[in-house]
PDB file of N, CA and C in Angstrom:
ATOM      1  N   MET A   1     144.903 -22.091-182.051  1.00  0.00           N
ATOM      2  CA  MET A   1     145.444 -22.005-180.693  1.00  0.00           C
ATOM      3  C   MET A   1     146.918 -21.640-180.777  1.00  0.00           C
ATOM      4  N   PRO A   2     147.373 -20.671-180.009  1.00  0.00           N
ATOM      5  CA  PRO A   2     148.797 -20.341-179.967  1.00  0.00           C
ATOM      6  C   PRO A   2     149.570 -21.422-179.213  1.00  0.00           C
ATOM      7  N   ASN A   3     150.886 -21.336-179.281  1.00  0.00           N
ATOM      8  CA  ASN A   3     151.716 -22.257-178.501  1.00  0.00           C
ATOM      9  C   ASN A   3     151.304 -22.164-177.040  1.00  0.00           C
ATOM     10  N   GLN A   4     151.172 -23.312-176.392  1.00  0.00           N
ATOM     11  CA  GLN A   4     150.653 -23.332-175.025  1.00  0.00           C
ATOM     12  C   GLN A   4     151.381 -24.381-174.185  1.00  0.00           C
ATOM     13  N   LEU A   5     151.686 -24.022-172.931  1.00  0.00           N
ATOM     14  CA  LEU A   5     152.207 -24.999-171.985  1.00  0.00           C
ATOM     15  C   LEU A   5     151.025 -25.859-171.558  1.00  0.00           C
ATOM     16  N   SER A   6     151.031 -27.127-171.940  1.00  0.00           N
ATOM     17  CA  SER A   6     149.893 -28.010-171.691  1.00  0.00           C
ATOM     18  C   SER A   6     150.133 -28.977-170.550  1.00  0.00           C
ATOM     19  N   TYR A   7     151.378 -29.431-170.392  1.00  0.00           N
ATOM     20  CA  TYR A   7     151.708 -30.443-169.398  1.00  0.00           C
ATOM     21  C   TYR A   7     152.972 -30.086-168.651  1.00  0.00           C
ATOM     22  N   VAL A   8     153.010 -30.466-167.407  1.00  0.00           N
ATOM     23  CA  VAL A   8     154.246 -30.567-166.651  1.00  0.00           C
ATOM     24  C   VAL A   8     154.309 -32.038-166.260  1.00  0.00           C
ATOM     25  N   ILE A   9     155.351 -32.718-166.690  1.00  0.00           N
ATOM     26  CA  ILE A   9     155.470 -34.160-166.501  1.00  0.00           C
ATOM     27  C   ILE A   9     156.555 -34.425-165.469  1.00  0.00           C
ATOM     28  N   GLU A  10     156.194 -35.131-164.412  1.00  0.00           N
ATOM     29  CA  GLU A  10     157.187 -35.551-163.424  1.00  0.00           C
ATOM     30  C   GLU A  10     157.397 -37.044-163.578  1.00  0.00           C
ATOM     31  N   PHE A  11     158.661 -37.442-163.575  1.00  0.00           N
ATOM     32  CA  PHE A  11     159.009 -38.858-163.674  1.00  0.00           C
ATOM     33  C   PHE A  11     159.137 -39.419-162.262  1.00  0.00           C
ATOM     34  N   VAL A  12     158.472 -40.550-162.017  1.00  0.00           N
ATOM     35  CA  VAL A  12     158.354 -41.095-160.662  1.00  0.00           C
ATOM     36  C   VAL A  12     158.762 -42.568-160.618  1.00  0.00           C
ATOM     37  N   THR A  13     159.217 -43.020-159.448  1.00  0.00           N
ATOM     38  CA  THR A  13     159.569 -44.431-159.277  1.00  0.00           C
ATOM     39  C   THR A  13     158.401 -45.261-158.778  1.00  0.00           C
ATOM     40  N   ASP A  14     157.450 -44.637-158.100  1.00  0.00           N
ATOM     41  CA  ASP A  14     156.313 -45.357-157.526  1.00  0.00           C
ATOM     42  C   ASP A  14     155.036 -44.569-157.848  1.00  0.00           C
ATOM     43  N   MET A  15     154.325 -45.027-158.888  1.00  0.00           N
ATOM     44  CA  MET A  15     153.141 -44.300-159.348  1.00  0.00           C
ATOM     45  C   MET A  15     152.093 -44.172-158.252  1.00  0.00           C
ATOM     46  N   ASP A  16     151.809 -45.256-157.536  1.00  0.00           N
ATOM     47  CA  ASP A  16     150.781 -45.209-156.487  1.00  0.00           C
ATOM     48  C   ASP A  16     151.146 -44.206-155.397  1.00  0.00           C
ATOM     49  N   ARG A  17     152.390 -44.224-154.981  1.00  0.00           N
ATOM     50  CA  ARG A  17     152.834 -43.295-153.938  1.00  0.00           C
ATOM     51  C   ARG A  17     152.739 -41.843-154.416  1.00  0.00           C
ATOM     52  N   ALA A  18     153.153 -41.612-155.656  1.00  0.00           N
ATOM     53  CA  ALA A  18     153.111 -40.250-156.206  1.00  0.00           C
ATOM     54  C   ALA A  18     151.669 -39.766-156.349  1.00  0.00           C
ATOM     55  N   VAL A  19     150.784 -40.641-156.841  1.00  0.00           N
ATOM     56  CA  VAL A  19     149.374 -40.256-156.982  1.00  0.00           C
ATOM     57  C   VAL A  19     148.782 -39.932-155.617  1.00  0.00           C
ATOM     58  N   LYS A  20     149.049 -40.776-154.638  1.00  0.00           N
ATOM     59  CA  LYS A  20     148.518 -40.528-153.295  1.00  0.00           C
ATOM     60  C   LYS A  20     149.007 -39.195-152.749  1.00  0.00           C
ATOM     61  N   PHE A  21     150.263 -38.847-152.994  1.00  0.00           N
ATOM     62  CA  PHE A  21     150.793 -37.580-152.505  1.00  0.00           C
ATOM     63  C   PHE A  21     150.052 -36.398-153.132  1.00  0.00           C
ATOM     64  N   TYR A  22     149.997 -36.376-154.458  1.00  0.00           N
ATOM     65  CA  TYR A  22     149.377 -35.222-155.126  1.00  0.00           C
ATOM     66  C   TYR A  22     147.864 -35.171-154.901  1.00  0.00           C
ATOM     67  N   ARG A  23     147.206 -36.325-154.813  1.00  0.00           N
ATOM     68  CA  ARG A  23     145.761 -36.367-154.598  1.00  0.00           C
ATOM     69  C   ARG A  23     145.396 -36.167-153.132  1.00  0.00           C
ATOM     70  N   ASP A  24     145.990 -36.978-152.244  1.00  0.00           N
ATOM     71  CA  ASP A  24     145.553 -37.014-150.845  1.00  0.00           C
ATOM     72  C   ASP A  24     146.231 -35.964-149.968  1.00  0.00           C
ATOM     73  N   VAL A  25     147.478 -35.635-150.257  1.00  0.00           N
ATOM     74  CA  VAL A  25     148.193 -34.656-149.436  1.00  0.00           C
ATOM     75  C   VAL A  25     147.986 -33.240-149.988  1.00  0.00           C
ATOM     76  N   LEU A  26     148.262 -33.055-151.292  1.00  0.00           N
ATOM     77  CA  LEU A  26     148.116 -31.717-151.869  1.00  0.00           C
ATOM     78  C   LEU A  26     146.685 -31.405-152.286  1.00  0.00           C
ATOM     79  N   GLY A  27     145.865 -32.443-152.446  1.00  0.00           N
ATOM     80  CA  GLY A  27     144.455 -32.227-152.773  1.00  0.00           C
ATOM     81  C   GLY A  27     144.162 -31.907-154.224  1.00  0.00           C
ATOM     82  N   LEU A  28     145.050 -32.287-155.142  1.00  0.00           N
ATOM     83  CA  LEU A  28     144.787 -32.046-156.558  1.00  0.00           C
ATOM     84  C   LEU A  28     143.759 -33.048-157.079  1.00  0.00           C
ATOM     85  N   PRO A  29     142.834 -32.619-157.916  1.00  0.00           N
ATOM     86  CA  PRO A  29     141.833 -33.525-158.483  1.00  0.00           C
ATOM     87  C   PRO A  29     142.466 -34.479-159.499  1.00  0.00           C
ATOM     88  N   LEU A  30     142.331 -35.774-159.254  1.00  0.00           N
ATOM     89  CA  LEU A  30     142.870 -36.799-160.145  1.00  0.00           C
ATOM     90  C   LEU A  30     141.944 -36.962-161.345  1.00  0.00           C
ATOM     91  N   LYS A  31     142.486 -36.778-162.560  1.00  0.00           N
ATOM     92  CA  LYS A  31     141.702 -36.998-163.774  1.00  0.00           C
ATOM     93  C   LYS A  31     141.629 -38.493-164.076  1.00  0.00           C
ATOM     94  N   PHE A  32     142.783 -39.162-164.037  1.00  0.00           N
ATOM     95  CA  PHE A  32     142.836 -40.615-164.186  1.00  0.00           C
ATOM     96  C   PHE A  32     144.209 -41.121-163.778  1.00  0.00           C
ATOM     97  N   GLN A  33     144.267 -42.426-163.502  1.00  0.00           N
ATOM     98  CA  GLN A  33     145.517 -43.060-163.079  1.00  0.00           C
ATOM     99  C   GLN A  33     145.702 -44.348-163.850  1.00  0.00           C
ATOM    100  N   SER A  34     146.929 -44.584-164.299  1.00  0.00           N
ATOM    101  CA  SER A  34     147.315 -45.860-164.902  1.00  0.00           C
ATOM    102  C   SER A  34     148.774 -46.112-164.532  1.00  0.00           C
ATOM    103  N   PRO A  35     149.273 -47.320-164.722  1.00  0.00           N
ATOM    104  CA  PRO A  35     150.680 -47.597-164.375  1.00  0.00           C
ATOM    105  C   PRO A  35     151.683 -46.771-165.191  1.00  0.00           C
ATOM    106  N   GLU A  36     151.300 -46.355-166.402  1.00  0.00           N
ATOM    107  CA  GLU A  36     152.236 -45.660-167.288  1.00  0.00           C
ATOM    108  C   GLU A  36     152.020 -44.154-167.381  1.00  0.00           C
ATOM    109  N   TRP A  37     150.845 -43.661-166.958  1.00  0.00           N
ATOM    110  CA  TRP A  37     150.553 -42.228-167.121  1.00  0.00           C
ATOM    111  C   TRP A  37     149.378 -41.880-166.229  1.00  0.00           C
ATOM    112  N   SER A  38     149.528 -40.884-165.395  1.00  0.00           N
ATOM    113  CA  SER A  38     148.443 -40.393-164.542  1.00  0.00           C
ATOM    114  C   SER A  38     148.378 -38.886-164.693  1.00  0.00           C
ATOM    115  N   GLU A  39     147.160 -38.324-164.568  1.00  0.00           N
ATOM    116  CA  GLU A  39     146.986 -36.892-164.757  1.00  0.00           C
ATOM    117  C   GLU A  39     146.136 -36.279-163.657  1.00  0.00           C
ATOM    118  N   PHE A  40     146.490 -35.039-163.323  1.00  0.00           N
ATOM    119  CA  PHE A  40     145.735 -34.233-162.360  1.00  0.00           C
ATOM    120  C   PHE A  40     145.236 -32.978-163.054  1.00  0.00           C
ATOM    121  N   ALA A  41     144.007 -32.585-162.734  1.00  0.00           N
ATOM    122  CA  ALA A  41     143.434 -31.348-163.268  1.00  0.00           C
ATOM    123  C   ALA A  41     143.988 -30.183-162.458  1.00  0.00           C
ATOM    124  N   THR A  42     144.718 -29.314-163.116  1.00  0.00           N
ATOM    125  CA  THR A  42     145.334 -28.172-162.430  1.00  0.00           C
ATOM    126  C   THR A  42     145.114 -26.888-163.218  1.00  0.00           C
ATOM    127  N   GLY A  43     143.941 -26.734-163.811  1.00  0.00           N
ATOM    128  CA  GLY A  43     143.674 -25.564-164.636  1.00  0.00           C
ATOM    129  C   GLY A  43     144.009 -25.850-166.081  1.00  0.00           C
ATOM    130  N   THR A  44     144.601 -24.881-166.765  1.00  0.00           N
ATOM    131  CA  THR A  44     144.894 -25.064-168.183  1.00  0.00           C
ATOM    132  C   THR A  44     146.124 -25.933-168.425  1.00  0.00           C
ATOM    133  N   THR A  45     146.944 -26.126-167.420  1.00  0.00           N
ATOM    134  CA  THR A  45     148.116 -26.986-167.529  1.00  0.00           C
ATOM    135  C   THR A  45     147.895 -28.216-166.664  1.00  0.00           C
ATOM    136  N   THR A  46     148.145 -29.391-167.232  1.00  0.00           N
ATOM    137  CA  THR A  46     147.938 -30.658-166.543  1.00  0.00           C
ATOM    138  C   THR A  46     149.237 -31.125-165.900  1.00  0.00           C
ATOM    139  N   LEU A  47     149.153 -31.587-164.652  1.00  0.00           N
ATOM    140  CA  LEU A  47     150.281 -32.267-164.028  1.00  0.00           C
ATOM    141  C   LEU A  47     150.158 -33.740-164.397  1.00  0.00           C
ATOM    142  N   ALA A  48     151.181 -34.270-165.046  1.00  0.00           N
ATOM    143  CA  ALA A  48     151.194 -35.673-165.452  1.00  0.00           C
ATOM    144  C   ALA A  48     152.347 -36.387-164.759  1.00  0.00           C
ATOM    145  N   LEU A  49     152.125 -37.642-164.406  1.00  0.00           N
ATOM    146  CA  LEU A  49     153.160 -38.498-163.813  1.00  0.00           C
ATOM    147  C   LEU A  49     153.466 -39.614-164.795  1.00  0.00           C
ATOM    148  N   HIS A  50     154.747 -39.919-164.946  1.00  0.00           N
ATOM    149  CA  HIS A  50     155.186 -40.968-165.874  1.00  0.00           C
ATOM    150  C   HIS A  50     156.295 -41.752-165.175  1.00  0.00           C
ATOM    151  N   PRO A  51     156.389 -43.059-165.394  1.00  0.00           N
ATOM    152  CA  PRO A  51     157.448 -43.834-164.744  1.00  0.00           C
ATOM    153  C   PRO A  51     158.853 -43.335-165.106  1.00  0.00           C
ATOM    154  N   ALA A  52     159.707 -43.318-164.119  1.00  0.00           N
ATOM    155  CA  ALA A  52     161.101 -42.936-164.323  1.00  0.00           C
ATOM    156  C   ALA A  52     161.813 -43.999-165.145  1.00  0.00           C
ATOM    157  N   SER A  53     162.918 -43.589-165.775  1.00  0.00           N
ATOM    158  CA  SER A  53     163.731 -44.510-166.567  1.00  0.00           C
ATOM    159  C   SER A  53     165.177 -44.016-166.484  1.00  0.00           C
ATOM    160  N   ALA A  54     166.074 -44.735-167.137  1.00  0.00           N
ATOM    161  CA  ALA A  54     167.468 -44.305-167.159  1.00  0.00           C
ATOM    162  C   ALA A  54     167.590 -42.940-167.841  1.00  0.00           C
ATOM    163  N   LYS A  55     166.794 -42.707-168.894  1.00  0.00           N
ATOM    164  CA  LYS A  55     166.819 -41.435-169.619  1.00  0.00           C
ATOM    165  C   LYS A  55     166.153 -40.317-168.821  1.00  0.00           C
ATOM    166  N   SER A  56     165.127 -40.680-168.055  1.00  0.00           N
ATOM    167  CA  SER A  56     164.362 -39.703-167.279  1.00  0.00           C
ATOM    168  C   SER A  56     164.271 -40.174-165.835  1.00  0.00           C
ATOM    169  N   PRO A  57     165.278 -39.857-165.009  1.00  0.00           N
ATOM    170  CA  PRO A  57     165.318 -40.345-163.629  1.00  0.00           C
ATOM    171  C   PRO A  57     164.210 -39.738-162.763  1.00  0.00           C
ATOM    172  N   ALA A  58     163.928 -40.404-161.667  1.00  0.00           N
ATOM    173  CA  ALA A  58     162.905 -39.949-160.723  1.00  0.00           C
ATOM    174  C   ALA A  58     163.174 -38.515-160.290  1.00  0.00           C
ATOM    175  N   GLY A  59     162.125 -37.724-160.245  1.00  0.00           N
ATOM    176  CA  GLY A  59     162.234 -36.338-159.836  1.00  0.00           C
ATOM    177  C   GLY A  59     162.470 -35.370-160.980  1.00  0.00           C
ATOM    178  N   LYS A  60     162.859 -35.883-162.142  1.00  0.00           N
ATOM    179  CA  LYS A  60     163.042 -35.016-163.305  1.00  0.00           C
ATOM    180  C   LYS A  60     161.678 -34.484-163.736  1.00  0.00           C
ATOM    181  N   VAL A  61     161.639 -33.237-164.150  1.00  0.00           N
ATOM    182  CA  VAL A  61     160.410 -32.615-164.619  1.00  0.00           C
ATOM    183  C   VAL A  61     160.628 -32.168-166.064  1.00  0.00           C
ATOM    184  N   GLU A  62     159.632 -32.391-166.895  1.00  0.00           N
ATOM    185  CA  GLU A  62     159.687 -32.017-168.305  1.00  0.00           C
ATOM    186  C   GLU A  62     158.467 -31.169-168.631  1.00  0.00           C
ATOM    187  N   LEU A  63     158.675 -30.112-169.402  1.00  0.00           N
ATOM    188  CA  LEU A  63     157.571 -29.281-169.850  1.00  0.00           C
ATOM    189  C   LEU A  63     157.021 -29.845-171.152  1.00  0.00           C
ATOM    190  N   GLY A  64     155.701 -29.834-171.296  1.00  0.00           N
ATOM    191  CA  GLY A  64     155.056 -30.321-172.507  1.00  0.00           C
ATOM    192  C   GLY A  64     154.211 -29.228-173.138  1.00  0.00           C
ATOM    193  N   PHE A  65     154.559 -28.845-174.357  1.00  0.00           N
ATOM    194  CA  PHE A  65     153.857 -27.786-175.068  1.00  0.00           C
ATOM    195  C   PHE A  65     152.948 -28.364-176.145  1.00  0.00           C
ATOM    196  N   THR A  66     151.903 -27.632-176.481  1.00  0.00           N
ATOM    197  CA  THR A  66     151.036 -27.962-177.598  1.00  0.00           C
ATOM    198  C   THR A  66     151.104 -26.797-178.577  1.00  0.00           C
ATOM    199  N   VAL A  67     151.269 -27.125-179.859  1.00  0.00           N
ATOM    200  CA  VAL A  67     151.349 -26.106-180.913  1.00  0.00           C
ATOM    201  C   VAL A  67     150.334 -26.456-182.004  1.00  0.00           C
ATOM    202  N   PRO A  68     149.919 -25.453-182.786  1.00  0.00           N
ATOM    203  CA  PRO A  68     148.929 -25.730-183.824  1.00  0.00           C
ATOM    204  C   PRO A  68     149.425 -26.709-184.894  1.00  0.00           C
ATOM    205  N   ASP A  69     150.700 -26.621-185.278  1.00  0.00           N
ATOM    206  CA  ASP A  69     151.251 -27.462-186.353  1.00  0.00           C
ATOM    207  C   ASP A  69     152.651 -27.915-185.925  1.00  0.00           C
ATOM    208  N   LEU A  70     152.773 -29.173-185.560  1.00  0.00           N
ATOM    209  CA  LEU A  70     154.035 -29.695-185.018  1.00  0.00           C
ATOM    210  C   LEU A  70     155.161 -29.623-186.038  1.00  0.00           C
ATOM    211  N   ASN A  71     154.910 -30.005-187.285  1.00  0.00           N
ATOM    212  CA  ASN A  71     155.972 -29.989-188.293  1.00  0.00           C
ATOM    213  C   ASN A  71     156.436 -28.563-188.584  1.00  0.00           C
ATOM    214  N   GLN A  72     155.516 -27.625-188.663  1.00  0.00           N
ATOM    215  CA  GLN A  72     155.878 -26.229-188.891  1.00  0.00           C
ATOM    216  C   GLN A  72     156.690 -25.687-187.716  1.00  0.00           C
ATOM    217  N   PHE A  73     156.253 -26.008-186.484  1.00  0.00           N
ATOM    218  CA  PHE A  73     156.989 -25.586-185.288  1.00  0.00           C
ATOM    219  C   PHE A  73     158.413 -26.125-185.348  1.00  0.00           C
ATOM    220  N   HIS A  74     158.562 -27.409-185.668  1.00  0.00           N
ATOM    221  CA  HIS A  74     159.879 -28.042-185.739  1.00  0.00           C
ATOM    222  C   HIS A  74     160.757 -27.319-186.758  1.00  0.00           C
ATOM    223  N   GLN A  75     160.232 -27.033-187.933  1.00  0.00           N
ATOM    224  CA  GLN A  75     161.002 -26.340-188.968  1.00  0.00           C
ATOM    225  C   GLN A  75     161.414 -24.937-188.524  1.00  0.00           C
ATOM    226  N   GLU A  76     160.460 -24.187-187.968  1.00  0.00           N
ATOM    227  CA  GLU A  76     160.748 -22.813-187.550  1.00  0.00           C
ATOM    228  C   GLU A  76     161.754 -22.767-186.401  1.00  0.00           C
ATOM    229  N   MET A  77     161.597 -23.651-185.436  1.00  0.00           N
ATOM    230  CA  MET A  77     162.501 -23.631-184.287  1.00  0.00           C
ATOM    231  C   MET A  77     163.894 -24.132-184.668  1.00  0.00           C
ATOM    232  N   THR A  78     163.962 -25.112-185.554  1.00  0.00           N
ATOM    233  CA  THR A  78     165.259 -25.581-186.038  1.00  0.00           C
ATOM    234  C   THR A  78     165.991 -24.439-186.748  1.00  0.00           C
ATOM    235  N   ALA A  79     165.250 -23.672-187.563  1.00  0.00           N
ATOM    236  CA  ALA A  79     165.842 -22.526-188.261  1.00  0.00           C
ATOM    237  C   ALA A  79     166.331 -21.468-187.270  1.00  0.00           C
ATOM    238  N   ARG A  80     165.709 -21.397-186.091  1.00  0.00           N
ATOM    239  CA  ARG A  80     166.112 -20.434-185.061  1.00  0.00           C
ATOM    240  C   ARG A  80     167.214 -20.975-184.154  1.00  0.00           C
ATOM    241  N   GLY A  81     167.696 -22.181-184.434  1.00  0.00           N
ATOM    242  CA  GLY A  81     168.803 -22.737-183.672  1.00  0.00           C
ATOM    243  C   GLY A  81     168.411 -23.599-182.489  1.00  0.00           C
ATOM    244  N   VAL A  82     167.126 -23.913-182.344  1.00  0.00           N
ATOM    245  CA  VAL A  82     166.698 -24.800-181.255  1.00  0.00           C
ATOM    246  C   VAL A  82     167.185 -26.206-181.570  1.00  0.00           C
ATOM    247  N   ARG A  83     167.769 -26.872-180.569  1.00  0.00           N
ATOM    248  CA  ARG A  83     168.306 -28.228-180.751  1.00  0.00           C
ATOM    249  C   ARG A  83     167.244 -29.258-180.378  1.00  0.00           C
ATOM    250  N   PHE A  84     166.818 -30.034-181.355  1.00  0.00           N
ATOM    251  CA  PHE A  84     165.844 -31.097-181.131  1.00  0.00           C
ATOM    252  C   PHE A  84     166.570 -32.412-180.880  1.00  0.00           C
ATOM    253  N   THR A  85     166.167 -33.097-179.826  1.00  0.00           N
ATOM    254  CA  THR A  85     166.717 -34.428-179.541  1.00  0.00           C
ATOM    255  C   THR A  85     165.861 -35.506-180.185  1.00  0.00           C
ATOM    256  N   MET A  86     164.634 -35.134-180.607  1.00  0.00           N
ATOM    257  CA  MET A  86     163.759 -36.044-181.349  1.00  0.00           C
ATOM    258  C   MET A  86     162.876 -35.203-182.269  1.00  0.00           C
ATOM    259  N   PRO A  87     162.954 -35.433-183.588  1.00  0.00           N
ATOM    260  CA  PRO A  87     162.072 -34.711-184.496  1.00  0.00           C
ATOM    261  C   PRO A  87     160.638 -35.229-184.318  1.00  0.00           C
ATOM    262  N   PRO A  88     159.652 -34.606-184.967  1.00  0.00           N
ATOM    263  CA  PRO A  88     158.289 -35.118-184.850  1.00  0.00           C
ATOM    264  C   PRO A  88     158.246 -36.612-185.177  1.00  0.00           C
ATOM    265  N   THR A  89     157.774 -37.390-184.202  1.00  0.00           N
ATOM    266  CA  THR A  89     157.794 -38.855-184.305  1.00  0.00           C
ATOM    267  C   THR A  89     156.467 -39.409-183.808  1.00  0.00           C
ATOM    268  N   LYS A  90     155.876 -40.318-184.582  1.00  0.00           N
ATOM    269  CA  LYS A  90     154.629 -40.987-184.186  1.00  0.00           C
ATOM    270  C   LYS A  90     154.886 -41.827-182.938  1.00  0.00           C
ATOM    271  N   GLN A  91     153.995 -41.728-181.953  1.00  0.00           N
ATOM    272  CA  GLN A  91     154.139 -42.430-180.673  1.00  0.00           C
ATOM    273  C   GLN A  91     153.147 -43.589-180.585  1.00  0.00           C
ATOM    274  N   ASP A  92     153.393 -44.498-179.640  1.00  0.00           N
ATOM    275  CA  ASP A  92     152.526 -45.663-179.443  1.00  0.00           C
ATOM    276  C   ASP A  92     151.085 -45.271-179.141  1.00  0.00           C
ATOM    277  N   PHE A  93     150.880 -44.117-178.496  1.00  0.00           N
ATOM    278  CA  PHE A  93     149.531 -43.699-178.136  1.00  0.00           C
ATOM    279  C   PHE A  93     148.770 -43.113-179.326  1.00  0.00           C
ATOM    280  N   GLY A  94     149.435 -42.986-180.486  1.00  0.00           N
ATOM    281  CA  GLY A  94     148.762 -42.524-181.688  1.00  0.00           C
ATOM    282  C   GLY A  94     149.131 -41.130-182.133  1.00  0.00           C
ATOM    283  N   GLY A  95     149.521 -40.259-181.207  1.00  0.00           N
ATOM    284  CA  GLY A  95     149.905 -38.894-181.562  1.00  0.00           C
ATOM    285  C   GLY A  95     151.373 -38.798-181.916  1.00  0.00           C
ATOM    286  N   SER A  96     151.790 -37.622-182.312  1.00  0.00           N
ATOM    287  CA  SER A  96     153.196 -37.369-182.613  1.00  0.00           C
ATOM    288  C   SER A  96     153.764 -36.391-181.605  1.00  0.00           C
ATOM    289  N   LEU A  97     155.030 -36.589-181.270  1.00  0.00           N
ATOM    290  CA  LEU A  97     155.759 -35.718-180.346  1.00  0.00           C
ATOM    291  C   LEU A  97     157.111 -35.373-180.946  1.00  0.00           C
ATOM    292  N   ALA A  98     157.630 -34.230-180.543  1.00  0.00           N
ATOM    293  CA  ALA A  98     159.018 -33.875-180.790  1.00  0.00           C
ATOM    294  C   ALA A  98     159.594 -33.479-179.435  1.00  0.00           C
ATOM    295  N   GLN A  99     160.904 -33.533-179.322  1.00  0.00           N
ATOM    296  CA  GLN A  99     161.555 -33.108-178.084  1.00  0.00           C
ATOM    297  C   GLN A  99     162.709 -32.178-178.421  1.00  0.00           C
ATOM    298  N   PHE A 100     162.820 -31.118-177.623  1.00  0.00           N
ATOM    299  CA  PHE A 100     163.919 -30.171-177.800  1.00  0.00           C
ATOM    300  C   PHE A 100     164.518 -29.854-176.438  1.00  0.00           C
ATOM    301  N   VAL A 101     165.673 -29.207-176.467  1.00  0.00           N
ATOM    302  CA  VAL A 101     166.391 -28.853-175.250  1.00  0.00           C
ATOM    303  C   VAL A 101     166.425 -27.335-175.149  1.00  0.00           C
ATOM    304  N   ASP A 102     166.085 -26.811-173.964  1.00  0.00           N
ATOM    305  CA  ASP A 102     166.133 -25.353-173.778  1.00  0.00           C
ATOM    306  C   ASP A 102     167.579 -24.940-173.483  1.00  0.00           C
ATOM    307  N   PRO A 103     167.869 -23.646-173.391  1.00  0.00           N
ATOM    308  CA  PRO A 103     169.250 -23.187-173.183  1.00  0.00           C
ATOM    309  C   PRO A 103     169.904 -23.691-171.891  1.00  0.00           C
ATOM    310  N   GLU A 104     169.089 -24.104-170.900  1.00  0.00           N
ATOM    311  CA  GLU A 104     169.629 -24.620-169.635  1.00  0.00           C
ATOM    312  C   GLU A 104     169.813 -26.137-169.671  1.00  0.00           C
ATOM    313  N   GLY A 105     169.445 -26.779-170.783  1.00  0.00           N
ATOM    314  CA  GLY A 105     169.590 -28.218-170.903  1.00  0.00           C
ATOM    315  C   GLY A 105     168.356 -29.012-170.517  1.00  0.00           C
ATOM    316  N   ALA A 106     167.249 -28.320-170.207  1.00  0.00           N
ATOM    317  CA  ALA A 106     166.008 -29.019-169.842  1.00  0.00           C
ATOM    318  C   ALA A 106     165.341 -29.560-171.101  1.00  0.00           C
ATOM    319  N   CYS A 107     164.896 -30.802-171.015  1.00  0.00           N
ATOM    320  CA  CYS A 107     164.196 -31.433-172.118  1.00  0.00           C
ATOM    321  C   CYS A 107     162.734 -30.981-172.094  1.00  0.00           C
ATOM    322  N   CYS A 108     162.215 -30.624-173.252  1.00  0.00           N
ATOM    323  CA  CYS A 108     160.819 -30.219-173.402  1.00  0.00           C
ATOM    324  C   CYS A 108     160.206 -31.048-174.519  1.00  0.00           C
ATOM    325  N   SER A 109     158.947 -31.432-174.355  1.00  0.00           N
ATOM    326  CA  SER A 109     158.250 -32.140-175.418  1.00  0.00           C
ATOM    327  C   SER A 109     157.202 -31.225-176.010  1.00  0.00           C
ATOM    328  N   VAL A 110     156.839 -31.511-177.263  1.00  0.00           N
ATOM    329  CA  VAL A 110     155.851 -30.685-177.956  1.00  0.00           C
ATOM    330  C   VAL A 110     155.016 -31.584-178.854  1.00  0.00           C
ATOM    331  N   SER A 111     153.709 -31.320-178.853  1.00  0.00           N
ATOM    332  CA  SER A 111     152.779 -32.063-179.697  1.00  0.00           C
ATOM    333  C   SER A 111     151.930 -31.076-180.482  1.00  0.00           C
ATOM    334  N   GLY A 112     151.312 -31.562-181.519  1.00  0.00           N
ATOM    335  CA  GLY A 112     150.412 -30.727-182.313  1.00  0.00           C
ATOM    336  C   GLY A 112     149.011 -30.799-181.754  1.00  0.00           C
ATOM    337  N   SER A 113     148.246 -29.745-181.990  1.00  0.00           N
ATOM    338  CA  SER A 113     146.866 -29.738-181.482  1.00  0.00           C
ATOM    339  C   SER A 113     145.920 -30.413-182.455  1.00  0.00           C
TER     340      SER A 113
END
C-alpha cells in the first residue's frame, strides 16, 4: 500500500455533543463511539474524534497517514528535512505512531500498515 491519508482527527471538548453533530446533523455513519476515540465511515478516510487537551485544543484538526513501513518512512523523511516531534513510538493501543510537522506547522501523525 502506498502512503495514504487514513484519518482526519478532530479534538473535541464534548464527545457526545460532537458525535451527535456529525451523526445526527451531518448524517455521517458512526462506526463506533467511546469516551476516548470515536470514528465515522467517510469513504477511504476516517473522521475520528479524540478528547481535546492542552497539547491539542478543541477544534484542532490533525491528519493521520498510514505507510507501509513506519521506521523506513521516518528515516527517509528525516533525511529529507521533515521535522518529527515524536519518532516511531509504541502506543497504549498496541500500534506505533510517529508525529511530524508540515511546513505550515500542522501536526500530522503516521502509522505503519
